[in-house]
Amino acid sequence: MSFFREVYSVAWADFRFLRHNIPNVMISSVMSPVLYMIAFGFCLNMTDIEVGDTTVPYLAFMIPGIIAMSSLTGSFSSTSTRMNVQRLYYRSFDEMMMCPLSNSSIVIGKAMLGMFRGLFSCMLMFLIGFALANDSIHLTPLFVVTLLCCTFTFSLLGETCALMVNSHAGMATFSSLVITPMTFLCGTFFNVANLPDWAQGVLYILPLTEASSCFRAAILDISSFPYPFWALGVIIAFGIAFFLIDMYLLKNRKV
């Protein structure tokens, strides 16, 4: 029980911060995904797309990709920005490190803000997608499990970035070189299976590609979609790797 109390103590201040910024969180969580949905789902006027052995409407195909993207951007940005400001501007992260808290409770506690923000963003997009394409969108147990795993994994990625960079400019550079390319290239708006084999090999080692695959298999409820559980396993493996990296950074670096 002491471990969970430590996690709660670490996450408490972040949730208080979230509570006082709910309007900003809601607006920022919805605006970009909705704009992508309008631009790609309606303005391009695409009709159907092949997924495995099935043909689905393009809007229904794109909604799981946008949910996967929201899990990345919402979880990553909340955790990384909050920790970056605490480390480099307020210097409050140093004070927390001096408290009698285990490193694992700090890592998990700091991930709670990004995880909650990601869950909030994804559920909003799911409700919007269900209203627009309710004949194709399904709420399944695989969707819930994938959502929890993805938001936690991408929150840990945000921690990794925040602990590694030493300036606000470094955070912006990481986002430009890693997060933005993943947003557009990891099957969010297109089927990665249509690309050449070498391109598929590159994209399938990125966590957002696996997240998009798993979300589509869950939400569209397509049994022929390739390797949904393999994709989920890759996401979990990334989460474990980011957790171990964060533990190493807390233990061996001056944060």
Protein backbone atom coordinates (compact mmCIF):
# COMPACT_ATOMS: atom_id res chain seq x y z
CA MET A 1 0.00 0.00 0.00
CA SER A 2 2.89 2.38 0.64
CA PHE A 3 3.88 2.16 -3.03
CA PHE A 4 0.42 3.26 -4.17
CA ARG A 5 0.44 6.10 -1.62
CA GLU A 6 3.75 7.26 -3.07
CA VAL A 7 2.35 7.13 -6.62
CA TYR A 8 -0.71 9.10 -5.49
CA SER A 9 1.50 11.68 -3.76
CA VAL A 10 3.53 12.22 -6.93
CA ALA A 11 0.45 12.42 -9.17
CA TRP A 12 -1.62 14.58 -6.82
CA ALA A 13 0.02 17.92 -7.75
CA ASP A 14 -0.30 17.17 -11.47
CA PHE A 15 -3.99 16.35 -11.12
CA ARG A 16 -4.51 19.58 -9.19
CA PHE A 17 -2.86 21.39 -12.09
CA LEU A 18 -5.16 19.56 -14.51
CA ARG A 19 -8.22 20.43 -12.46
CA HIS A 20 -7.50 24.16 -12.79
CA ASN A 21 -6.94 23.91 -16.55
CA ILE A 22 -9.88 21.75 -17.66
CA PRO A 23 -11.18 24.23 -20.33
CA ASN A 24 -7.74 24.50 -21.93
CA VAL A 25 -7.31 20.71 -21.81
CA MET A 26 -10.67 20.10 -23.48
CA ILE A 27 -10.06 22.60 -26.27
CA SER A 28 -6.50 21.47 -27.00
CA SER A 29 -7.52 17.79 -26.84
CA VAL A 30 -10.22 18.13 -29.47
CA MET A 31 -9.11 20.90 -31.83
CA SER A 32 -6.26 19.25 -33.76
CA PRO A 33 -7.88 15.79 -34.16
CA VAL A 34 -11.15 17.34 -35.34
CA LEU A 35 -9.30 19.49 -37.88
CA TYR A 36 -7.49 16.40 -39.18
CA MET A 37 -10.81 14.58 -39.41
CA ILE A 38 -12.40 17.42 -41.38
CA ALA A 39 -9.41 17.91 -43.69
CA PHE A 40 -8.73 14.24 -44.46
CA GLY A 41 -12.09 12.61 -43.79
CA PHE A 42 -14.38 15.05 -45.55
CA CYS A 43 -12.41 17.47 -47.71
CA LEU A 44 -10.47 14.75 -49.57
CA ASN A 45 -13.79 13.04 -50.37
CA MET A 46 -12.31 9.52 -50.26
CA THR A 47 -14.86 6.72 -50.16
CA ASP A 48 -13.58 3.23 -49.30
CA ILE A 49 -10.27 1.68 -48.35
CA GLU A 50 -9.15 -1.95 -48.08
CA VAL A 51 -8.20 -3.23 -44.62
CA GLY A 52 -7.10 -6.85 -44.68
CA ASP A 53 -9.77 -8.70 -46.64
CA THR A 54 -12.45 -6.10 -45.91
CA THR A 55 -13.41 -2.76 -47.44
CA VAL A 56 -14.46 -0.03 -45.01
CA PRO A 57 -15.42 3.65 -45.44
CA TYR A 58 -12.39 5.91 -45.30
CA LEU A 59 -13.83 7.95 -42.42
CA ALA A 60 -14.27 4.78 -40.36
CA PHE A 61 -10.71 3.75 -41.27
CA MET A 62 -9.29 7.12 -40.24
CA ILE A 63 -11.05 7.43 -36.85
CA PRO A 64 -8.96 4.69 -35.13
CA GLY A 65 -5.82 6.29 -36.55
CA ILE A 66 -6.78 9.67 -35.12
CA ILE A 67 -7.51 8.02 -31.75
CA ALA A 68 -4.05 6.43 -31.85
CA MET A 69 -2.54 9.80 -32.72
CA SER A 70 -4.45 11.42 -29.84
CA SER A 71 -3.09 8.82 -27.44
CA LEU A 72 0.43 9.79 -28.54
CA THR A 73 0.12 13.57 -28.64
CA GLY A 74 -2.06 13.92 -25.54
CA SER A 75 -0.04 11.59 -23.32
CA PHE A 76 3.39 12.63 -24.56
CA SER A 77 2.87 16.40 -24.54
CA SER A 78 1.23 16.52 -21.11
CA THR A 79 3.95 14.52 -19.38
CA SER A 80 6.94 15.94 -21.22
CA THR A 81 5.88 19.60 -21.00
CA ARG A 82 4.95 19.39 -17.32
CA MET A 83 8.19 17.66 -16.33
CA ASN A 84 10.29 19.92 -18.52
CA VAL A 85 8.89 23.02 -16.84
CA GLN A 86 9.31 21.50 -13.38
CA ARG A 87 12.92 20.51 -14.07
CA LEU A 88 14.23 23.51 -15.95
CA TYR A 89 12.06 26.44 -14.90
CA TYR A 90 10.62 25.96 -11.41
CA ARG A 91 13.29 23.47 -10.26
CA SER A 92 10.58 21.68 -8.28
CA PHE A 93 11.50 18.27 -9.65
CA ASP A 94 14.74 18.38 -7.64
CA GLU A 95 12.75 18.87 -4.45
CA MET A 96 10.60 15.83 -5.22
CA MET A 97 13.71 13.74 -5.81
CA MET A 98 14.88 14.59 -2.29
CA CYS A 99 11.67 13.18 -0.79
CA PRO A 100 11.66 9.59 0.53
CA LEU A 101 10.04 8.21 -2.63
CA SER A 102 11.11 5.22 -4.71
CA ASN A 103 12.17 5.88 -8.29
CA SER A 104 9.50 3.52 -9.61
CA SER A 105 6.73 5.46 -7.82
CA ILE A 106 8.07 8.71 -9.28
CA VAL A 107 8.13 7.28 -12.81
CA ILE A 108 4.61 5.86 -12.57
CA GLY A 109 3.21 8.85 -10.68
CA LYS A 110 4.50 11.36 -13.23
CA ALA A 111 3.00 9.23 -16.02
CA MET A 112 -0.50 9.50 -14.55
CA LEU A 113 -1.12 13.03 -15.86
CA GLY A 114 -0.27 12.09 -19.45
CA MET A 115 -2.19 8.84 -19.19
CA PHE A 116 -5.32 10.61 -17.96
CA ARG A 117 -4.99 13.32 -20.61
CA GLY A 118 -4.56 10.67 -23.30
CA LEU A 119 -7.58 8.70 -22.07
CA PHE A 120 -9.66 11.87 -22.04
CA SER A 121 -8.61 12.86 -25.58
CA CYS A 122 -9.15 9.39 -27.01
CA MET A 123 -12.59 8.92 -25.46
CA LEU A 124 -13.70 12.29 -26.82
CA MET A 125 -12.55 11.27 -30.29
CA PHE A 126 -14.21 7.87 -29.93
CA LEU A 127 -17.54 9.53 -29.11
CA ILE A 128 -17.19 11.91 -32.07
CA GLY A 129 -16.27 9.01 -34.35
CA PHE A 130 -19.16 6.91 -33.08
CA ALA A 131 -21.55 9.77 -33.85
CA LEU A 132 -20.19 10.11 -37.40
CA ALA A 133 -19.75 6.42 -38.30
CA ASN A 134 -21.70 4.43 -35.73
CA ASP A 135 -22.33 1.57 -38.18
CA SER A 136 -18.59 0.79 -38.33
CA ILE A 137 -17.31 1.82 -34.88
CA HIS A 138 -17.45 -0.67 -31.99
CA LEU A 139 -16.45 -0.50 -28.33
CA THR A 140 -14.60 -3.75 -27.56
CA PRO A 141 -12.46 -5.06 -24.69
CA LEU A 142 -9.42 -4.95 -27.00
CA PHE A 143 -10.01 -1.21 -27.50
CA VAL A 144 -9.99 -0.57 -23.73
CA VAL A 145 -6.82 -2.63 -23.19
CA THR A 146 -5.08 -0.97 -26.14
CA LEU A 147 -6.10 2.48 -24.92
CA LEU A 148 -4.66 1.89 -21.44
CA CYS A 149 -1.43 0.41 -22.79
CA CYS A 150 -0.89 3.14 -25.40
CA THR A 151 -1.53 6.10 -23.11
CA PHE A 152 0.76 4.69 -20.42
CA THR A 153 3.51 3.85 -22.93
CA PHE A 154 3.44 7.28 -24.57
CA SER A 155 3.40 8.96 -21.15
CA LEU A 156 6.59 7.08 -20.30
CA LEU A 157 8.04 8.24 -23.63
CA GLY A 158 7.26 11.81 -22.58
CA GLU A 159 9.14 11.22 -19.33
CA THR A 160 12.11 9.82 -21.23
CA CYS A 161 12.26 12.91 -23.41
CA ALA A 162 11.85 15.30 -20.46
CA LEU A 163 14.64 13.60 -18.51
CA MET A 164 17.06 13.52 -21.43
CA VAL A 165 16.79 17.05 -22.84
CA ASN A 166 18.45 19.97 -21.11
CA SER A 167 16.51 22.87 -22.59
CA HIS A 168 13.10 23.83 -23.92
CA ALA A 169 14.64 23.99 -27.40
CA GLY A 170 15.74 20.38 -27.02
CA MET A 171 12.16 19.38 -26.28
CA ALA A 172 10.95 21.15 -29.43
CA THR A 173 13.66 19.45 -31.48
CA PHE A 174 12.70 16.01 -30.19
CA SER A 175 9.05 16.66 -31.04
CA SER A 176 9.98 17.83 -34.54
CA LEU A 177 12.26 14.87 -35.27
CA VAL A 178 10.28 12.06 -33.58
CA ILE A 179 6.69 12.92 -32.68
CA THR A 180 5.66 14.86 -35.80
CA PRO A 181 6.97 12.25 -38.31
CA MET A 182 5.24 9.47 -36.35
CA THR A 183 2.00 11.46 -36.41
CA PHE A 184 1.86 11.53 -40.22
CA LEU A 185 3.77 8.40 -41.29
CA CYS A 186 2.60 5.65 -38.92
CA GLY A 187 -0.60 4.68 -40.67
CA THR A 188 -2.78 7.36 -39.15
CA PHE A 189 -4.31 8.40 -42.48
CA PHE A 190 -3.32 5.53 -44.78
CA ASN A 191 -2.81 1.77 -44.79
CA VAL A 192 0.85 0.96 -44.17
CA ALA A 193 0.36 -2.39 -45.97
CA ASN A 194 0.17 -0.49 -49.28
CA LEU A 195 3.76 0.75 -48.94
CA PRO A 196 6.90 -1.06 -50.19
CA ASP A 197 8.30 -3.76 -47.95
CA TRP A 198 11.29 -1.68 -46.83
CA ALA A 199 9.02 1.19 -45.79
CA GLN A 200 6.76 -1.19 -43.87
CA GLY A 201 9.81 -2.59 -42.09
CA VAL A 202 10.79 0.90 -40.94
CA LEU A 203 7.32 1.99 -39.87
CA TYR A 204 6.37 -1.21 -38.05
CA ILE A 205 9.20 -0.73 -35.56
CA LEU A 206 7.59 2.53 -34.41
CA PRO A 207 5.07 2.30 -31.57
CA LEU A 208 2.42 4.51 -33.18
CA THR A 209 2.17 2.18 -36.20
CA GLU A 210 1.43 -0.73 -33.88
CA ALA A 211 -1.03 1.42 -31.94
CA SER A 212 -2.90 2.34 -35.13
CA SER A 213 -3.03 -1.33 -36.18
CA CYS A 214 -4.34 -2.44 -32.81
CA PHE A 215 -6.93 0.33 -32.57
CA ARG A 216 -8.25 -0.48 -36.04
CA ALA A 217 -8.51 -4.18 -35.24
CA ALA A 218 -10.39 -3.33 -32.04
CA ILE A 219 -12.67 -0.48 -33.12
CA LEU A 220 -13.55 -1.76 -36.59
CA ASP A 221 -13.84 -5.29 -35.15
CA ILE A 222 -12.12 -6.79 -38.22
CA SER A 223 -10.93 -10.30 -37.46
CA SER A 224 -8.84 -10.45 -40.65
CA PHE A 225 -6.75 -7.40 -39.70
CA PRO A 226 -3.15 -8.58 -39.39
CA TYR A 227 -1.52 -9.26 -36.00
CA PRO A 228 -3.58 -7.16 -33.53
CA PHE A 229 -2.24 -9.05 -30.50
CA TRP A 230 1.32 -8.95 -31.84
CA ALA A 231 0.92 -5.18 -32.16
CA LEU A 232 -0.33 -4.96 -28.57
CA GLY A 233 2.68 -6.98 -27.41
CA VAL A 234 5.02 -4.56 -29.18
CA ILE A 235 3.33 -1.61 -27.46
CA ILE A 236 3.75 -3.28 -24.07
CA ALA A 237 7.41 -4.01 -24.87
CA PHE A 238 7.96 -0.33 -25.70
CA GLY A 239 6.32 0.61 -22.40
CA ILE A 240 8.65 -1.68 -20.44
CA ALA A 241 11.67 -0.29 -22.31
CA PHE A 242 10.69 3.34 -21.62
CA PHE A 243 10.06 2.50 -17.95
CA LEU A 244 13.52 0.95 -17.57
CA ILE A 245 15.14 3.92 -19.35
CA ASP A 246 13.35 6.34 -17.03
CA MET A 247 14.47 4.36 -13.98
CA TYR A 248 18.05 4.47 -15.26
CA LEU A 249 17.92 8.21 -15.91
CA LEU A 250 16.56 8.94 -12.43
CA LYS A 251 19.17 6.76 -10.77
CA ASN A 252 22.28 7.69 -12.74
CA ARG A 253 21.79 11.25 -13.94
CA LYS A 254 21.40 14.58 -12.20
CA VAL A 255 17.91 15.54 -13.22
